[in-house]
Amino acid sequence: MDSSLITILLTVAVRMTGLPAVPESELPSFVPLAPEELERQICPDAGNGCKGIAAYFDVLHYRILYRDTLNLDEPLDHSYLLHEIVHVLQHRQVGNAMYADCWSMLQSEGQAYRVQNSYLRANDQLAYVGDMLRKASCVQ
């Protein structure tokens, strides 16, 4: 993993979220995996439920897993790492409370997608991610 890319993405994540910075030495490891292995690691029993996942912050093992097929020279592809770095910052701030309930999870994902989409726009990318979040709701 290119450390200069991680430095840039961490800087963007801190600036866009306002969350406290994490020293780079305290960031999780970045682990490239074949798409099938990434899906198996994240959702071992989910069947097709994890198809298409590009990256994932594995809190339990404190690592960021990502598809080894991502082209990290492309803003769209490294925006997935930015999204996960936002989750790292969130977790450092509130711990597992970010997963405490449906509302907390939606708030956490919403912030990560807003940062990712702002980053894509700033890098002249026409892509938009996280559309399914707009349809998500928490039923009491």
Protein backbone atom coordinates (compact mmCIF):
# COMPACT_ATOMS: atom_id res chain seq x y z
CA MET A 1 0.00 0.00 0.00
CA ASP A 2 1.31 3.41 -0.97
CA SER A 3 1.85 5.35 2.26
CA SER A 4 1.53 8.70 0.47
CA LEU A 5 -1.98 7.74 -0.70
CA ILE A 6 -2.93 6.79 2.86
CA THR A 7 -1.57 10.12 4.13
CA ILE A 8 -3.69 12.00 1.59
CA LEU A 9 -6.83 9.98 2.34
CA LEU A 10 -6.37 10.35 6.10
CA THR A 11 -5.94 14.11 5.71
CA VAL A 12 -9.09 14.32 3.59
CA ALA A 13 -11.07 12.20 6.07
CA VAL A 14 -10.05 14.38 9.03
CA ARG A 15 -10.74 17.62 7.16
CA MET A 16 -14.14 16.52 5.86
CA THR A 17 -15.42 14.91 9.06
CA GLY A 18 -13.91 17.18 11.68
CA LEU A 19 -13.03 14.05 13.66
CA PRO A 20 -9.71 13.93 15.51
CA ALA A 21 -6.74 12.74 13.49
CA VAL A 22 -5.18 9.37 14.09
CA PRO A 23 -1.41 9.08 13.84
CA GLU A 24 -0.61 7.10 10.71
CA SER A 25 1.28 4.62 12.87
CA GLU A 26 -2.02 3.82 14.60
CA LEU A 27 -4.02 3.20 11.45
CA PRO A 28 -5.09 -0.36 10.79
CA SER A 29 -3.22 -2.48 8.30
CA PHE A 30 -4.50 -2.47 4.71
CA VAL A 31 -4.99 -6.00 3.39
CA PRO A 32 -5.60 -6.63 -0.32
CA LEU A 33 -7.69 -9.73 -1.02
CA ALA A 34 -9.11 -11.42 -4.08
CA PRO A 35 -12.80 -10.49 -4.40
CA GLU A 36 -13.94 -14.00 -3.46
CA GLU A 37 -11.75 -14.03 -0.36
CA LEU A 38 -12.92 -10.56 0.65
CA GLU A 39 -16.53 -11.73 0.41
CA ARG A 40 -15.73 -14.89 2.37
CA GLN A 41 -13.96 -12.91 5.11
CA ILE A 42 -16.80 -10.43 5.53
CA CYS A 43 -19.84 -12.64 5.06
CA PRO A 44 -18.86 -16.28 5.44
CA ASP A 45 -22.52 -17.41 5.60
CA ALA A 46 -24.21 -14.70 3.53
CA GLY A 47 -24.11 -16.29 0.10
CA ASN A 48 -24.42 -13.46 -2.41
CA GLY A 49 -25.03 -10.84 0.30
CA CYS A 50 -21.50 -9.46 0.06
CA LYS A 51 -21.13 -9.38 -3.71
CA GLY A 52 -19.64 -6.13 -4.93
CA ILE A 53 -18.06 -4.99 -1.67
CA ALA A 54 -14.89 -3.06 -2.47
CA ALA A 55 -13.49 -2.48 1.04
CA TYR A 56 -14.35 -3.14 4.66
CA PHE A 57 -13.15 -1.94 8.06
CA ASP A 58 -12.73 -5.12 10.10
CA VAL A 59 -13.03 -3.72 13.63
CA LEU A 60 -12.44 -7.08 15.31
CA HIS A 61 -9.01 -7.55 13.72
CA TYR A 62 -8.36 -3.79 13.27
CA ARG A 63 -7.62 -3.92 9.57
CA ILE A 64 -9.03 -2.59 6.33
CA LEU A 65 -9.69 -5.30 3.78
CA TYR A 66 -9.98 -4.29 0.15
CA ARG A 67 -10.25 -5.88 -3.27
CA ASP A 68 -6.86 -6.51 -4.80
CA THR A 69 -8.43 -5.56 -8.14
CA LEU A 70 -8.84 -1.89 -7.14
CA ASN A 71 -6.77 0.47 -9.25
CA LEU A 72 -5.33 2.73 -6.57
CA ASP A 73 -4.29 5.27 -9.19
CA GLU A 74 -7.98 6.01 -9.78
CA PRO A 75 -9.94 8.31 -7.45
CA LEU A 76 -13.07 6.16 -7.67
CA ASP A 77 -11.20 3.08 -6.50
CA HIS A 78 -9.27 4.70 -3.69
CA SER A 79 -12.40 6.50 -2.53
CA TYR A 80 -13.45 3.14 -1.06
CA LEU A 81 -10.40 3.25 1.18
CA LEU A 82 -11.30 6.82 2.18
CA HIS A 83 -14.76 5.57 3.20
CA GLU A 84 -13.19 2.95 5.46
CA ILE A 85 -10.72 5.45 6.94
CA VAL A 86 -13.73 7.55 7.94
CA HIS A 87 -15.03 4.49 9.81
CA VAL A 88 -11.66 4.17 11.54
CA LEU A 89 -11.90 7.79 12.71
CA GLN A 90 -15.46 7.24 13.87
CA HIS A 91 -14.51 4.12 15.77
CA ARG A 92 -11.60 5.89 17.45
CA GLN A 93 -14.03 8.62 18.52
CA VAL A 94 -17.03 6.58 19.76
CA GLY A 95 -15.91 2.95 19.76
CA ASN A 96 -18.52 0.29 19.18
CA ALA A 97 -21.29 2.82 19.89
CA MET A 98 -21.24 3.46 16.13
CA TYR A 99 -22.82 -0.02 15.80
CA ALA A 100 -25.08 0.24 18.88
CA ASP A 101 -28.32 0.44 16.95
CA CYS A 102 -29.78 0.99 13.52
CA TRP A 103 -29.77 4.80 13.81
CA SER A 104 -26.11 4.86 14.84
CA MET A 105 -25.17 2.62 11.92
CA LEU A 106 -27.09 4.77 9.44
CA GLN A 107 -25.44 7.91 10.80
CA SER A 108 -21.98 6.32 10.56
CA GLU A 109 -22.54 5.10 7.01
CA GLY A 110 -24.14 8.38 5.99
CA GLN A 111 -21.11 10.37 7.07
CA ALA A 112 -18.71 7.98 5.32
CA TYR A 113 -20.71 8.12 2.07
CA ARG A 114 -20.97 11.94 2.20
CA VAL A 115 -17.19 12.19 2.54
CA GLN A 116 -16.66 9.67 -0.24
CA ASN A 117 -19.05 11.48 -2.60
CA SER A 118 -17.54 14.88 -1.82
CA TYR A 119 -14.12 13.45 -2.57
CA LEU A 120 -15.35 11.99 -5.87
CA ARG A 121 -16.82 15.35 -6.92
CA ALA A 122 -13.61 17.17 -5.93
CA ASN A 123 -11.72 14.75 -8.19
CA ASP A 124 -14.05 15.25 -11.17
CA GLN A 125 -15.62 11.81 -10.88
CA LEU A 126 -19.20 11.37 -12.02
CA ALA A 127 -19.76 8.37 -9.75
CA TYR A 128 -22.15 8.48 -6.81
CA VAL A 129 -21.97 5.85 -4.05
CA GLY A 130 -24.30 4.90 -1.22
CA ASP A 131 -27.61 5.34 -3.02
CA MET A 132 -29.10 2.39 -1.15
CA LEU A 133 -28.61 4.26 2.12
CA ARG A 134 -31.31 6.75 1.11
CA LYS A 135 -33.78 3.87 1.04
CA ALA A 136 -32.70 2.47 4.40
CA SER A 137 -34.80 3.04 7.49
CA CYS A 138 -34.90 1.95 11.07
CA VAL A 139 -38.20 0.39 12.04
CA GLN A 140 -39.07 0.59 15.70
